[in-house]
N, C-alpha and C. Protein backbone atom coordinates (compact mmCIF):
# COMPACT_ATOMS: atom_id res chain seq x y z
N MET A 1 0.39 -1.01 0.27
CA MET A 1 0.21 -0.43 0.11
C MET A 1 0.64 1.42 -0.25
N PRO A 2 0.69 1.97 -0.57
CA PRO A 2 1.47 3.13 -1.13
C PRO A 2 1.78 4.06 0.56
N PHE A 3 0.66 4.18 1.13
CA PHE A 3 0.93 5.40 2.38
C PHE A 3 1.70 5.49 3.31
N LYS A 4 2.38 3.99 3.27
CA LYS A 4 3.01 3.30 4.09
C LYS A 4 4.24 3.91 3.98
N ASP A 5 4.33 4.45 3.07
CA ASP A 5 6.12 5.48 2.33
C ASP A 5 5.64 6.59 2.32
N ARG A 6 5.62 7.30 3.38
CA ARG A 6 5.25 8.61 3.58
C ARG A 6 5.21 9.58 2.91
N LYS A 7 6.79 9.04 2.43
CA LYS A 7 7.72 10.32 1.82
C LYS A 7 7.94 10.06 0.41
N ARG A 8 7.29 8.99 0.00
CA ARG A 8 6.93 8.62 -1.95
C ARG A 8 5.78 9.60 -1.57
N TRP A 9 4.69 8.89 -1.05
CA TRP A 9 3.77 9.73 -1.30
C TRP A 9 3.56 11.61 -1.20
N LEU A 10 4.15 12.08 -0.45
CA LEU A 10 4.91 14.00 -0.14
C LEU A 10 4.92 14.33 -1.45
N SER A 11 5.84 13.87 -1.83
CA SER A 11 6.79 13.24 -3.22
C SER A 11 5.89 13.73 -3.96
N TYR A 12 4.96 12.24 -4.41
CA TYR A 12 4.05 12.22 -5.11
C TYR A 12 3.64 13.18 -5.32
N MET A 13 3.24 14.17 -4.32
CA MET A 13 2.08 15.27 -3.74
C MET A 13 1.89 17.05 -4.66
N ASN A 14 3.43 16.88 -4.44
CA ASN A 14 4.73 17.71 -4.27
C ASN A 14 4.28 18.02 -5.66
N HIS A 15 5.47 16.64 -6.21
CA HIS A 15 4.98 16.64 -7.88
C HIS A 15 3.42 16.67 -8.88
N TYR A 16 2.57 16.41 -8.04
CA TYR A 16 1.25 16.46 -8.90
C TYR A 16 0.91 18.24 -8.87
N ASN A 17 1.21 18.32 -7.41
CA ASN A 17 0.66 19.99 -7.65
C ASN A 17 1.42 20.97 -8.28
N ASP A 18 2.89 21.09 -8.56
CA ASP A 18 3.90 21.61 -9.00
C ASP A 18 3.54 21.71 -10.42
N LYS A 19 2.80 20.54 -11.26
CA LYS A 19 2.15 20.49 -12.52
C LYS A 19 0.92 21.52 -12.80
N ARG A 20 0.47 20.86 -11.39
CA ARG A 20 -1.03 22.00 -11.34
C ARG A 20 -1.18 23.53 -11.82
N ARG A 21 0.20 23.62 -11.12
CA ARG A 21 -0.08 25.14 -10.70
C ARG A 21 0.74 26.09 -12.08
N ILE A 22 1.80 24.88 -12.90
CA ILE A 22 2.54 25.72 -13.72
C ILE A 22 1.49 25.43 -15.11
N SER A 23 0.18 25.20 -14.87
CA SER A 23 -1.00 25.01 -15.50
C SER A 23 -1.80 26.31 -15.75
N GLY A 24 -1.34 27.31 -15.03
CA GLY A 24 -2.23 28.06 -14.70
C GLY A 24 -3.29 28.47 -16.26
N LYS A 25 -2.64 28.85 -17.18
CA LYS A 25 -3.24 29.16 -18.51
C LYS A 25 -4.53 28.32 -18.72
N LYS A 26 -4.16 27.31 -18.73
CA LYS A 26 -5.06 26.11 -18.77
C LYS A 26 -6.34 26.34 -17.40
N GLN A 27 -5.98 26.68 -16.51
CA GLN A 27 -6.99 26.53 -15.66
C GLN A 27 -8.40 28.01 -16.02
N GLN A 28 -7.09 28.99 -16.14
CA GLN A 28 -8.60 29.42 -17.04
C GLN A 28 -8.85 29.63 -18.04
N GLN A 29 -8.74 28.70 -19.18
CA GLN A 29 -9.55 28.78 -20.08
C GLN A 29 -10.53 27.76 -19.85
N ASP A 30 -10.15 26.85 -18.52
CA ASP A 30 -10.97 25.69 -17.80
C ASP A 30 -12.35 26.38 -17.54
N LYS A 31 -11.91 27.54 -16.54
CA LYS A 31 -12.47 28.71 -15.68
C LYS A 31 -13.34 29.65 -17.87
N ALA A 32 -13.55 29.44 -18.11
CA ALA A 32 -13.51 30.30 -19.48
C ALA A 32 -15.09 29.55 -19.29
N VAL A 33 -14.78 27.88 -19.81
CA VAL A 33 -15.08 27.72 -20.31
C VAL A 33 -16.52 27.16 -19.52
N TYR A 34 -16.43 27.26 -18.51
CA TYR A 34 -18.06 26.87 -17.77
C TYR A 34 -18.26 28.15 -17.08
N LYS A 35 -18.25 29.57 -17.46
CA LYS A 35 -18.94 30.20 -16.95
C LYS A 35 -19.65 30.98 -18.64
N LYS A 36 -19.54 29.92 -19.76
CA LYS A 36 -19.79 30.03 -20.28
C LYS A 36 -21.23 29.02 -20.53
N THR A 37 -20.83 28.09 -20.33
CA THR A 37 -21.55 26.49 -20.56
C THR A 37 -22.81 26.60 -19.15
N GLY A 38 -21.66 27.17 -18.16
CA GLY A 38 -22.78 27.10 -16.02
C GLY A 38 -22.71 25.88 -15.97
N ARG A 39 -22.19 24.70 -16.49
CA ARG A 39 -22.05 23.56 -15.86
C ARG A 39 -20.21 23.34 -15.29
N ARG A 40 -20.38 22.97 -13.90
CA ARG A 40 -19.58 22.85 -13.39
C ARG A 40 -20.09 22.00 -12.08
N ASN A 41 -19.14 20.42 -12.08
CA ASN A 41 -19.55 20.11 -10.51
C ASN A 41 -18.96 20.57 -9.64
N GLN A 42 -19.85 20.14 -8.43
CA GLN A 42 -19.14 20.36 -6.67
C GLN A 42 -17.79 20.45 -6.65
N ILE A 43 -16.90 19.65 -6.89
CA ILE A 43 -15.35 19.93 -6.40
C ILE A 43 -14.76 20.72 -7.02
N SER A 44 -15.70 20.38 -8.33
CA SER A 44 -14.75 21.74 -9.43
C SER A 44 -14.83 23.11 -9.03
N ARG A 45 -16.00 23.46 -8.72
CA ARG A 45 -16.46 25.07 -7.81
C ARG A 45 -15.62 24.95 -6.86
N ARG A 46 -15.61 23.84 -5.99
CA ARG A 46 -14.95 24.17 -4.82
C ARG A 46 -13.00 24.43 -4.80
N LEU A 47 -12.92 23.90 -6.02
CA LEU A 47 -11.24 23.98 -6.48
C LEU A 47 -10.81 25.36 -6.97
N GLY A 48 -12.02 25.94 -7.93
CA GLY A 48 -11.95 26.73 -8.77
C GLY A 48 -11.26 26.81 -10.15
N ARG A 49 -11.18 25.27 -10.56
CA ARG A 49 -11.01 24.66 -11.19
C ARG A 49 -11.46 23.24 -11.39
N LYS A 50 -10.97 22.64 -13.16
CA LYS A 50 -11.71 21.41 -13.18
C LYS A 50 -11.18 19.88 -12.68
N PHE A 51 -11.61 18.88 -12.02
CA PHE A 51 -10.64 17.96 -11.06
C PHE A 51 -11.63 17.14 -11.75
N THR A 52 -10.70 16.96 -13.26
CA THR A 52 -11.02 15.46 -13.85
C THR A 52 -10.97 14.23 -13.60
N GLN A 53 -11.66 13.09 -14.34
CA GLN A 53 -11.35 12.01 -13.68
C GLN A 53 -10.55 11.27 -13.63
N GLU A 54 -9.51 11.97 -14.93
CA GLU A 54 -8.27 11.54 -14.77
C GLU A 54 -7.25 11.84 -14.03
N GLU A 55 -7.59 12.84 -13.35
CA GLU A 55 -6.98 12.62 -12.09
C GLU A 55 -7.56 12.61 -10.63
N TYR A 56 -9.37 12.01 -10.46
CA TYR A 56 -9.66 11.09 -9.62
C TYR A 56 -9.02 9.62 -9.15
N ASP A 57 -9.09 9.23 -10.97
CA ASP A 57 -8.44 8.07 -11.11
C ASP A 57 -7.39 7.82 -10.74
N SER A 58 -5.75 8.79 -11.08
CA SER A 58 -5.13 8.88 -10.35
C SER A 58 -4.16 8.53 -8.98
N PHE A 59 -5.68 9.37 -7.61
CA PHE A 59 -5.53 9.34 -6.73
C PHE A 59 -6.09 8.50 -6.23
N PHE A 60 -7.15 7.38 -7.03
CA PHE A 60 -8.06 7.02 -6.43
C PHE A 60 -6.46 5.41 -6.47
N GLU A 61 -6.03 5.43 -7.32
CA GLU A 61 -4.94 4.28 -8.29
C GLU A 61 -3.66 4.26 -7.07
N TRP A 62 -3.64 5.70 -7.25
CA TRP A 62 -2.35 5.27 -6.28
C TRP A 62 -2.72 4.85 -4.02
N GLN A 63 -3.66 5.22 -4.22
CA GLN A 63 -4.06 5.01 -2.91
C GLN A 63 -4.82 3.42 -3.06
N GLY A 64 -4.98 3.01 -3.89
CA GLY A 64 -4.30 1.68 -3.55
C GLY A 64 -6.27 1.27 -3.42
N GLY A 65 -6.97 2.41 -3.48
CA GLY A 65 -8.56 2.74 -3.08
C GLY A 65 -8.96 2.46 -2.05
N VAL A 66 -8.09 3.20 -1.53
CA VAL A 66 -8.59 2.80 0.04
C VAL A 66 -8.82 4.45 0.27
N CYS A 67 -9.13 5.19 1.55
CA CYS A 67 -9.21 6.53 2.52
C CYS A 67 -8.05 6.09 2.42
N ALA A 68 -7.21 8.02 2.36
CA ALA A 68 -6.06 8.21 2.75
C ALA A 68 -6.22 8.30 4.05
N LEU A 69 -7.02 8.41 5.15
CA LEU A 69 -7.05 8.95 6.62
C LEU A 69 -7.20 7.38 7.13
N CYS A 70 -8.01 6.94 7.21
CA CYS A 70 -8.40 4.88 7.88
C CYS A 70 -7.56 4.14 6.79
N PHE A 71 -7.75 3.85 5.36
CA PHE A 71 -7.40 2.97 4.59
C PHE A 71 -8.52 2.06 4.42
N LYS A 72 -10.37 2.76 4.55
CA LYS A 72 -10.96 1.13 4.65
C LYS A 72 -11.56 1.65 2.62
N LYS A 73 -12.20 0.46 1.97
CA LYS A 73 -12.78 0.78 1.10
C LYS A 73 -14.25 1.11 1.41
N GLN A 74 -14.07 1.57 0.24
CA GLN A 74 -16.26 1.65 0.04
C GLN A 74 -16.63 2.11 -1.13
N GLU A 75 -17.98 1.53 -0.99
CA GLU A 75 -18.62 1.40 -2.32
C GLU A 75 -18.76 2.55 -3.01
N ARG A 76 -19.15 3.65 -2.59
CA ARG A 76 -19.48 5.16 -3.15
C ARG A 76 -18.17 6.13 -3.46
N ARG A 77 -18.18 6.82 -3.86
CA ARG A 77 -16.79 7.55 -4.97
C ARG A 77 -16.43 8.40 -3.53
N PHE A 78 -14.99 8.37 -3.74
CA PHE A 78 -14.77 9.44 -2.54
C PHE A 78 -14.19 10.37 -2.74
N ASP A 79 -14.54 11.81 -1.22
CA ASP A 79 -14.65 12.75 -1.39
C ASP A 79 -13.32 13.60 -1.80
N VAL A 80 -12.78 14.86 -2.50
CA VAL A 80 -11.60 14.69 -2.70
C VAL A 80 -11.45 15.86 -2.09
N ASP A 81 -10.06 15.75 -1.06
CA ASP A 81 -9.23 16.95 0.31
C ASP A 81 -8.52 17.91 -0.71
N HIS A 82 -9.02 18.51 0.08
CA HIS A 82 -7.93 19.97 -0.60
C HIS A 82 -7.80 20.75 0.70
N ILE A 83 -6.56 22.02 0.61
CA ILE A 83 -6.50 22.64 1.11
C ILE A 83 -7.28 23.66 0.71
N HIS A 84 -7.68 24.25 1.59
CA HIS A 84 -9.10 25.27 1.25
C HIS A 84 -8.17 27.12 1.13
N GLY A 85 -8.79 27.65 0.53
CA GLY A 85 -8.39 28.55 -0.50
C GLY A 85 -7.47 28.15 -1.37
N THR A 86 -7.00 27.03 -1.66
CA THR A 86 -6.18 26.63 -2.69
C THR A 86 -6.36 25.93 -4.23
N ALA A 87 -6.34 25.55 -4.67
CA ALA A 87 -6.62 24.12 -5.72
C ALA A 87 -4.78 23.14 -5.48
N ILE A 88 -4.70 22.67 -4.03
CA ILE A 88 -3.79 21.46 -4.42
C ILE A 88 -4.26 20.50 -3.13
N VAL A 89 -4.34 19.75 -4.50
CA VAL A 89 -5.27 18.33 -3.64
C VAL A 89 -4.62 17.54 -3.48
N ARG A 90 -5.17 16.81 -1.45
CA ARG A 90 -4.45 16.14 -0.48
C ARG A 90 -4.52 14.79 -0.87
N GLY A 91 -5.60 14.14 -1.81
CA GLY A 91 -5.82 13.33 -1.18
C GLY A 91 -7.63 13.03 -1.88
N LEU A 92 -7.98 11.28 -1.19
CA LEU A 92 -9.26 10.98 -1.52
C LEU A 92 -10.01 10.47 0.06
N LEU A 93 -10.59 10.70 0.31
CA LEU A 93 -11.03 10.41 1.68
C LEU A 93 -12.82 9.71 2.03
N CYS A 94 -13.03 8.51 2.58
CA CYS A 94 -13.94 8.91 2.64
C CYS A 94 -14.56 9.97 3.64
N ASN A 95 -16.49 9.35 3.79
CA ASN A 95 -17.06 11.02 3.65
C ASN A 95 -16.83 10.61 5.75
N GLN A 96 -16.40 9.40 6.47
CA GLN A 96 -16.60 10.34 7.97
C GLN A 96 -15.68 10.70 7.81
N CYS A 97 -14.19 10.20 7.01
CA CYS A 97 -12.78 11.52 7.56
C CYS A 97 -13.20 12.74 7.27
N ASN A 98 -13.61 12.94 5.91
CA ASN A 98 -14.03 14.10 5.48
C ASN A 98 -14.49 14.83 6.25
N GLN A 99 -15.40 14.51 6.86
CA GLN A 99 -16.48 15.66 7.83
C GLN A 99 -15.65 15.58 8.95
N MET A 100 -14.99 14.56 9.79
CA MET A 100 -14.31 14.78 10.51
C MET A 100 -12.94 16.23 10.48
N LEU A 101 -12.20 16.06 9.61
CA LEU A 101 -11.47 17.05 9.03
C LEU A 101 -11.81 18.32 9.01
N GLY A 102 -13.56 18.55 8.58
CA GLY A 102 -13.82 19.99 8.53
C GLY A 102 -14.53 20.18 9.39
N LEU A 103 -14.90 19.25 10.68
CA LEU A 103 -15.56 19.53 12.21
C LEU A 103 -14.32 20.36 12.16
N ALA A 104 -13.46 19.48 12.71
CA ALA A 104 -11.77 20.37 13.29
C ALA A 104 -11.44 21.76 12.55
N LYS A 105 -11.84 21.90 11.41
CA LYS A 105 -11.51 23.14 10.35
C LYS A 105 -9.98 22.78 10.00
N ASP A 106 -9.63 21.28 9.72
CA ASP A 106 -8.59 21.07 9.12
C ASP A 106 -7.04 22.13 10.33
N ASN A 107 -7.55 21.79 11.74
CA ASN A 107 -6.65 22.53 12.65
C ASN A 107 -5.83 21.42 13.17
N PRO A 108 -4.43 20.88 12.95
CA PRO A 108 -3.89 19.68 12.94
C PRO A 108 -3.87 19.81 15.04
N GLU A 109 -4.20 21.33 15.64
CA GLU A 109 -3.19 21.16 17.16
C GLU A 109 -4.58 20.31 17.55
N LEU A 110 -6.00 21.01 16.95
CA LEU A 110 -7.03 20.42 17.82
C LEU A 110 -6.94 18.94 17.71
N LEU A 111 -6.71 18.79 16.15
CA LEU A 111 -6.72 17.16 15.96
C LEU A 111 -5.92 16.69 17.11
N ARG A 112 -5.13 16.60 16.92
CA ARG A 112 -3.75 16.25 17.90
C ARG A 112 -4.45 15.90 19.18
N ALA A 113 -4.82 17.42 19.73
CA ALA A 113 -5.63 17.14 21.61
C ALA A 113 -6.65 16.39 21.32
N ALA A 114 -7.02 16.18 20.50
CA ALA A 114 -8.51 14.61 20.15
C ALA A 114 -7.50 13.51 20.10
N ALA A 115 -6.51 13.57 19.32
CA ALA A 115 -6.11 12.01 19.21
C ALA A 115 -5.36 11.75 20.74
N ASN A 116 -5.14 12.77 21.87
CA ASN A 116 -4.03 12.63 22.57
C ASN A 116 -5.97 12.58 24.28
N TYR A 117 -6.85 13.00 23.54
CA TYR A 117 -7.76 12.77 24.34
C TYR A 117 -8.37 10.39 24.41
N VAL A 118 -8.11 10.52 23.39
CA VAL A 118 -8.64 9.35 23.14
C VAL A 118 -7.85 8.20 23.01
N GLU A 119 -6.63 8.71 23.25
CA GLU A 119 -5.31 7.59 23.46
C GLU A 119 -5.24 7.80 25.25
N VAL A 120 -5.91 8.19 25.86
CA VAL A 120 -5.93 8.27 26.97
C VAL A 120 -6.51 6.98 27.85
């Protein structure tokens, strides 16, 4: 499973996100097309750019078909986790893990405190 090698995963993510930053012109073209047609899916709207099925499939394959946090498989489509305010995608999460991060407002200190609390 790819997540056991955290350095390799981070290297992949940095390469992937650098590639997306370079294609800024493509992002502007995508936005223009969406404004004309008025069609955007939910994740594209949140990221401010088109998140393609190929990108989703790439993440899905890299993660081995499991959630990036709990490593569980699910029948429904995974949620695309991203850094809010940017178009940087972190990975695919199951609904429960995505809600957990959302409720914690992606605050690492709060999540560490919760982990310490649970471990007692």
